[in-house]
């Protein structure tokens, strides 16, 4: 497996505008120094990058931005309470297999040569980590089945590599991270009905696997040991938090007046501090700040005077997600 030279592709302060569906909120990511250093470390070490932090700090967006900056394909899987480790590696289409088995049974033995093979390998579908570790074998396999490969950039080929996002791994049971130890640690695994071990071919580039967690569940030590770890935290002090938010706001809405950005940032910082004192969750943060600015921008059409008047009214719905009395304590 080859490791690409990614020098210069990621730089602190680099602004990445991400693609969004029509009508969906725009997404802009500005790489921080720690983010760039952690990604480069993960790539050089050949390890997954575990990104920890409260919701709304840009963990998922970081993975998408890294894929675009590095010119890599992007595949993802969002973990939930029903997820199993194999869901990130492979999937057997049991419904289609059962349907074909029933159809074959209905036809009887009149034309045995025409009966479809029910070999499990015919119903095996690659999932995110298979595509990341060996796009080559995954593409060959789905090609035989007549299935499409995941979307990828125009002009992209497997030699340019893949970013795999495993989102919110803490939502799953501990069996999920434990079941990924082999794939993430040894870069290989087995799948039912597939004769060979799934591992990178000489033409595959080592993937950047980014795993996110909100720390709602403690991850197994064996899993964390196989990862490079990045903690995404908002600045602690009020002044530092305001400056951070203003920079992020300016990246998203460069035409918005800085005074308005600061007013909105101070509002979020004050509410955040009040909720922290009372140990209330969720805390307002970067995501709420950007949502607040987005509403101001869309409703007032850039009129700063109108935006200032609307700020507190909109904040009741966007930022203050706890009773008003709690905020004032």
Protein backbone atom coordinates (compact mmCIF):
# COMPACT_ATOMS: atom_id res chain seq x y z
CA UNK A 1 0.00 0.00 0.00
CA UNK A 2 1.24 3.45 -0.93
CA UNK A 3 1.15 6.54 1.31
CA UNK A 4 0.72 9.77 -0.66
CA UNK A 5 2.84 12.85 -0.12
CA UNK A 6 0.22 15.31 1.14
CA UNK A 7 2.62 18.16 1.93
CA UNK A 8 1.05 21.50 1.10
CA UNK A 9 -2.45 20.18 0.50
CA UNK A 10 -3.52 21.05 4.03
CA UNK A 11 -2.54 24.37 5.57
CA UNK A 12 -3.81 26.16 8.69
CA UNK A 13 -6.31 28.87 7.82
CA UNK A 14 -7.20 27.29 4.49
CA UNK A 15 -10.86 27.87 3.70
CA UNK A 16 -12.79 25.00 2.11
CA UNK A 17 -16.26 25.54 0.67
CA UNK A 18 -18.15 22.26 0.73
CA UNK A 19 -20.87 21.17 -1.64
CA UNK A 20 -24.41 21.39 -0.25
CA UNK A 21 -27.71 20.18 -1.74
CA UNK A 22 -30.00 22.94 -3.08
CA UNK A 23 -31.73 24.70 -0.20
CA UNK A 24 -29.45 23.15 2.44
CA UNK A 25 -27.26 25.36 4.66
CA UNK A 26 -23.92 26.26 3.14
CA UNK A 27 -20.86 24.60 4.67
CA UNK A 28 -17.50 26.31 5.03
CA UNK A 29 -14.55 24.88 6.91
CA UNK A 30 -11.39 26.70 7.97
CA UNK A 31 -8.58 24.36 9.00
CA UNK A 32 -7.01 25.01 12.39
CA UNK A 33 -3.38 24.25 13.18
CA UNK A 34 -4.24 21.28 15.40
CA UNK A 35 -6.54 19.85 12.73
CA UNK A 36 -3.86 20.01 10.05
CA UNK A 37 -1.21 18.55 12.35
CA UNK A 38 -3.49 15.71 13.51
CA UNK A 39 -4.50 14.77 9.96
CA UNK A 40 -0.90 14.75 8.77
CA UNK A 41 0.10 12.66 11.79
CA UNK A 42 -2.66 10.12 11.13
CA UNK A 43 -1.66 9.81 7.47
CA UNK A 44 2.04 9.40 8.27
CA UNK A 45 1.36 6.92 11.08
CA UNK A 46 -1.11 4.90 9.03
CA UNK A 47 -3.69 5.21 11.79
CA UNK A 48 -7.31 6.30 12.05
CA UNK A 49 -7.96 9.78 13.43
CA UNK A 50 -10.37 9.80 16.39
CA UNK A 51 -11.94 13.26 16.69
CA UNK A 52 -13.58 14.03 20.03
CA UNK A 53 -15.67 17.03 20.96
CA UNK A 54 -19.12 18.32 21.83
CA UNK A 55 -21.77 18.43 19.08
CA UNK A 56 -21.42 21.34 16.69
CA UNK A 57 -17.64 21.74 16.82
CA UNK A 58 -17.18 20.67 13.20
CA UNK A 59 -16.07 17.04 13.55
CA UNK A 60 -18.07 15.71 10.61
CA UNK A 61 -17.31 18.77 8.53
CA UNK A 62 -13.60 18.26 9.15
CA UNK A 63 -13.73 14.89 7.39
CA UNK A 64 -15.55 16.32 4.37
CA UNK A 65 -13.15 19.25 4.17
CA UNK A 66 -10.13 16.95 4.41
CA UNK A 67 -11.44 14.86 1.52
CA UNK A 68 -11.90 17.92 -0.67
CA UNK A 69 -8.54 19.46 0.25
CA UNK A 70 -6.70 16.19 -0.36
CA UNK A 71 -8.60 15.44 -3.57
CA UNK A 72 -9.86 12.14 -2.20
CA UNK A 73 -13.13 10.29 -2.57
CA UNK A 74 -15.39 10.45 0.48
CA UNK A 75 -17.39 7.57 1.95
CA UNK A 76 -19.17 7.57 5.29
CA UNK A 77 -21.24 5.62 7.74
CA UNK A 78 -23.25 7.09 10.63
CA UNK A 79 -23.34 4.75 13.63
CA UNK A 80 -26.56 4.32 15.58
CA UNK A 81 -27.82 2.10 18.39
CA UNK A 82 -28.56 -0.77 15.98
CA UNK A 83 -25.23 -0.69 14.16
CA UNK A 84 -22.88 -3.66 14.12
CA UNK A 85 -19.22 -3.60 13.18
CA UNK A 86 -19.88 -5.55 10.00
CA UNK A 87 -22.15 -2.73 8.78
CA UNK A 88 -19.02 -0.65 8.25
CA UNK A 89 -17.23 -3.48 6.41
CA UNK A 90 -19.79 -5.34 4.35
CA UNK A 91 -23.51 -6.03 3.97
CA UNK A 92 -25.30 -9.13 2.72
CA UNK A 93 -28.53 -8.34 0.89
CA UNK A 94 -30.53 -11.09 2.57
CA UNK A 95 -33.83 -9.74 1.25
CA UNK A 96 -32.74 -10.12 -2.37
CA UNK A 97 -31.25 -13.53 -1.64
CA UNK A 98 -34.48 -14.72 -0.04
CA UNK A 99 -36.56 -13.36 -2.92
CA UNK A 100 -34.43 -15.18 -5.48
CA UNK A 101 -34.55 -18.37 -3.42
CA UNK A 102 -38.35 -18.20 -3.28
CA UNK A 103 -38.52 -17.52 -7.01
CA UNK A 104 -36.25 -20.47 -7.68
CA UNK A 105 -38.43 -22.68 -5.48
CA UNK A 106 -41.58 -21.57 -7.32
CA UNK A 107 -40.04 -22.53 -10.64
CA UNK A 108 -39.32 -25.98 -9.31
CA UNK A 109 -36.84 -28.30 -10.93
CA UNK A 110 -38.11 -27.95 -14.49
CA UNK A 111 -35.06 -26.01 -15.64
CA UNK A 112 -32.22 -26.59 -13.17
CA UNK A 113 -29.67 -24.93 -15.48
CA UNK A 114 -31.62 -21.67 -15.26
CA UNK A 115 -31.68 -21.57 -11.47
CA UNK A 116 -29.70 -18.62 -10.05
CA UNK A 117 -26.76 -19.29 -7.76
CA UNK A 118 -27.63 -18.49 -4.15
CA UNK A 119 -23.98 -18.28 -3.14
CA UNK A 120 -23.74 -15.62 -0.45
CA UNK A 121 -20.95 -13.87 -2.32
CA UNK A 122 -23.46 -12.78 -4.98
CA UNK A 123 -25.29 -10.74 -2.37
CA UNK A 124 -22.24 -9.27 -0.62
CA UNK A 125 -21.99 -5.47 -0.83
CA UNK A 126 -18.89 -3.48 0.21
CA UNK A 127 -19.38 -0.85 2.89
CA UNK A 128 -17.37 2.22 3.89
CA UNK A 129 -14.20 0.64 5.29
CA UNK A 130 -13.95 -1.86 2.44
CA UNK A 131 -14.08 1.00 -0.06
CA UNK A 132 -11.51 2.89 1.97
CA UNK A 133 -9.02 0.05 2.36
CA UNK A 134 -9.35 -1.42 -1.12
CA UNK A 135 -11.40 0.56 -3.60
CA UNK A 136 -9.91 -1.68 -6.30
CA UNK A 137 -11.38 -4.97 -5.03
CA UNK A 138 -14.65 -3.30 -4.00
CA UNK A 139 -15.13 -1.81 -7.46
CA UNK A 140 -14.41 -5.14 -9.16
CA UNK A 141 -16.87 -6.90 -6.86
CA UNK A 142 -19.77 -4.46 -7.35
CA UNK A 143 -19.05 -4.40 -11.08
CA UNK A 144 -19.79 -8.12 -11.24
CA UNK A 145 -23.03 -7.49 -9.38
CA UNK A 146 -24.08 -4.58 -11.57
CA UNK A 147 -23.99 -2.12 -8.65
CA UNK A 148 -22.53 1.42 -8.72
CA UNK A 149 -19.48 2.63 -6.85
CA UNK A 150 -19.88 5.50 -4.36
CA UNK A 151 -19.81 9.06 -5.74
CA UNK A 152 -16.34 10.49 -6.24
CA UNK A 153 -14.79 13.68 -7.64
CA UNK A 154 -14.58 14.22 -11.38
CA UNK A 155 -11.31 12.85 -12.70
CA UNK A 156 -10.65 10.93 -9.51
CA UNK A 157 -9.13 7.44 -9.49
CA UNK A 158 -8.24 5.04 -6.64
CA UNK A 159 -4.59 6.11 -6.75
CA UNK A 160 -5.67 9.43 -5.21
CA UNK A 161 -7.03 7.80 -2.05
CA UNK A 162 -10.18 7.84 0.08
CA UNK A 163 -11.37 9.55 3.25
CA UNK A 164 -13.62 7.30 5.34
CA UNK A 165 -15.86 8.96 7.93
CA UNK A 166 -17.18 6.79 10.78
CA UNK A 167 -19.54 9.25 12.41
CA UNK A 168 -20.69 9.18 16.05
CA UNK A 169 -19.16 5.84 16.95
CA UNK A 170 -20.16 6.39 20.58
CA UNK A 171 -23.81 5.89 19.57
CA UNK A 172 -23.13 2.17 19.06
CA UNK A 173 -22.46 -0.59 21.55
CA UNK A 174 -18.85 -1.42 22.47
CA UNK A 175 -19.03 -4.34 20.01
CA UNK A 176 -18.80 -1.79 17.17
CA UNK A 177 -15.34 -0.35 17.92
CA UNK A 178 -14.11 -3.74 19.12
CA UNK A 179 -15.23 -5.29 15.83
CA UNK A 180 -13.16 -2.78 13.85
CA UNK A 181 -9.84 -3.51 15.57
CA UNK A 182 -8.61 -5.82 12.83
CA UNK A 183 -9.63 -3.57 9.94
CA UNK A 184 -8.16 -0.43 11.50
CA UNK A 185 -5.14 -2.10 13.08
CA UNK A 186 -4.07 -4.55 10.36
CA UNK A 187 -5.79 -3.01 7.32
CA UNK A 188 -7.48 -6.27 6.43
CA UNK A 189 -10.55 -8.35 7.23
CA UNK A 190 -12.67 -11.23 5.97
CA UNK A 191 -16.17 -11.18 4.49
CA UNK A 192 -18.61 -14.10 3.97
CA UNK A 193 -18.62 -15.52 0.47
CA UNK A 194 -15.42 -13.67 -0.47
CA UNK A 195 -12.61 -16.16 -0.99
CA UNK A 196 -9.68 -13.90 -0.22
CA UNK A 197 -8.89 -11.64 2.72
CA UNK A 198 -9.88 -8.09 1.91
CA UNK A 199 -6.75 -5.97 2.01
CA UNK A 200 -5.24 -3.13 -0.03
CA UNK A 201 -3.79 -3.98 -3.42
CA UNK A 202 -0.51 -2.41 -4.60
CA UNK A 203 -2.51 0.26 -6.44
CA UNK A 204 -4.56 1.29 -3.37
CA UNK A 205 -3.58 4.35 -1.33
CA UNK A 206 -3.74 4.17 2.45
CA UNK A 207 -7.06 5.75 3.52
CA UNK A 208 -7.63 8.55 5.97
CA UNK A 209 -10.20 7.12 8.39
CA UNK A 210 -11.78 9.79 10.58
CA UNK A 211 -13.85 8.54 13.52
CA UNK A 212 -15.98 11.02 15.47
CA UNK A 213 -17.35 10.80 18.99
CA UNK A 214 -19.36 13.10 21.25
CA UNK A 215 -17.97 11.17 24.24
CA UNK A 216 -21.42 9.92 25.23
CA UNK A 217 -19.92 6.46 25.73
CA UNK A 218 -16.37 5.50 26.75
CA UNK A 219 -14.57 3.77 23.88
CA UNK A 220 -12.54 0.60 24.50
CA UNK A 221 -8.86 1.17 25.25
CA UNK A 222 -7.82 -1.22 22.50
CA UNK A 223 -9.69 0.89 19.96
CA UNK A 224 -8.34 4.23 21.18
CA UNK A 225 -4.79 2.83 21.11
CA UNK A 226 -5.16 2.21 17.38
CA UNK A 227 -6.05 5.85 16.73
CA UNK A 228 -4.44 9.25 16.60
CA UNK A 229 -6.64 11.45 18.82
CA UNK A 230 -7.73 15.05 18.21
CA UNK A 231 -9.83 16.95 20.75
CA UNK A 232 -11.90 19.72 19.16
CA UNK A 233 -12.72 22.18 21.92
CA UNK A 234 -14.04 25.69 21.89
CA UNK A 235 -11.81 28.22 23.70
CA UNK A 236 -12.49 28.42 27.44
CA UNK A 237 -12.30 32.15 28.16
CA UNK A 238 -15.06 34.49 27.01
CA UNK A 239 -12.74 36.79 25.06
CA UNK A 240 -11.02 33.88 23.30
CA UNK A 241 -14.37 32.27 22.47
CA UNK A 242 -15.70 35.51 20.98
CA UNK A 243 -12.61 35.91 18.80
CA UNK A 244 -12.90 32.30 17.64
CA UNK A 245 -16.56 32.71 16.73
CA UNK A 246 -15.96 36.00 14.93
CA UNK A 247 -13.30 34.35 12.76
CA UNK A 248 -15.65 31.49 11.93
CA UNK A 249 -18.49 33.89 11.23
CA UNK A 250 -16.34 35.96 8.91
CA UNK A 251 -15.38 32.81 6.97
CA UNK A 252 -19.05 31.96 6.40
CA UNK A 253 -20.37 35.50 5.93
CA UNK A 254 -17.50 37.75 4.83
CA UNK A 255 -19.83 40.64 3.97
CA UNK A 256 -21.43 40.80 7.42
CA UNK A 257 -20.38 43.73 9.60
CA UNK A 258 -17.80 42.77 12.23
CA UNK A 259 -19.69 44.63 14.93
CA UNK A 260 -22.71 42.43 14.31
CA UNK A 261 -20.52 39.33 14.35
CA UNK A 262 -19.18 40.39 17.74
CA UNK A 263 -22.65 41.10 19.13
CA UNK A 264 -23.82 37.66 18.06
CA UNK A 265 -20.65 36.02 19.42
CA UNK A 266 -21.02 37.77 22.78
CA UNK A 267 -24.65 36.69 23.01
CA UNK A 268 -23.67 33.05 22.42
CA UNK A 269 -20.74 33.30 24.86
CA UNK A 270 -22.94 34.73 27.62
CA UNK A 271 -25.60 32.07 27.22
CA UNK A 272 -22.97 29.35 27.07
CA UNK A 273 -21.42 30.55 30.34
CA UNK A 274 -24.82 30.66 32.06
CA UNK A 275 -25.66 27.09 30.99
CA UNK A 276 -22.21 25.83 32.01
CA UNK A 277 -22.72 27.16 35.54
CA UNK A 278 -25.96 25.18 35.77
CA UNK A 279 -24.56 22.11 33.99
CA UNK A 280 -27.23 22.30 31.31
CA UNK A 281 -26.86 20.52 27.98
CA UNK A 282 -26.65 21.09 25.11
CA UNK A 283 -24.42 24.13 25.38
CA UNK A 284 -24.83 26.77 22.68
CA UNK A 285 -21.68 26.93 20.59
CA UNK A 286 -20.30 27.26 17.12
CA UNK A 287 -23.18 25.53 15.32
CA UNK A 288 -25.80 27.78 16.96
CA UNK A 289 -23.68 30.85 16.23
CA UNK A 290 -23.50 30.01 12.51
CA UNK A 291 -27.23 29.25 12.40
CA UNK A 292 -27.93 32.62 14.02
CA UNK A 293 -25.85 34.45 11.42
CA UNK A 294 -27.42 32.48 8.59
CA UNK A 295 -30.93 33.55 9.61
CA UNK A 296 -29.84 37.16 9.98
CA UNK A 297 -28.21 37.10 6.57
CA UNK A 298 -31.19 35.55 4.80
CA UNK A 299 -33.92 37.63 6.42
CA UNK A 300 -32.36 41.08 6.31
CA UNK A 301 -30.63 40.93 2.94
CA UNK A 302 -27.46 42.46 4.35
CA UNK A 303 -29.11 45.41 6.12
CA UNK A 304 -26.98 45.80 9.28
CA UNK A 305 -29.53 47.97 11.14
CA UNK A 306 -32.27 45.39 10.60
CA UNK A 307 -29.93 42.58 11.61
CA UNK A 308 -29.12 44.22 14.95
CA UNK A 309 -32.81 44.60 15.77
CA UNK A 310 -33.50 40.97 14.89
CA UNK A 311 -30.57 39.49 16.78
CA UNK A 312 -32.14 38.92 20.20
CA UNK A 313 -35.50 37.88 18.81
CA UNK A 314 -33.97 35.16 16.63
CA UNK A 315 -31.66 34.04 19.44
CA UNK A 316 -34.71 32.91 21.45
CA UNK A 317 -35.15 30.06 18.99
CA UNK A 318 -31.64 29.40 17.70
CA UNK A 319 -29.39 29.79 20.75
CA UNK A 320 -31.52 29.67 23.89
CA UNK A 321 -32.64 26.07 23.99
CA UNK A 322 -33.43 26.12 27.70
CA UNK A 323 -36.06 28.11 29.62
CA UNK A 324 -35.40 31.84 29.85
CA UNK A 325 -35.25 31.68 33.62
CA UNK A 326 -32.40 29.21 33.51
CA UNK A 327 -30.29 31.56 31.42
CA UNK A 328 -30.66 34.38 33.91
CA UNK A 329 -29.63 32.42 37.01
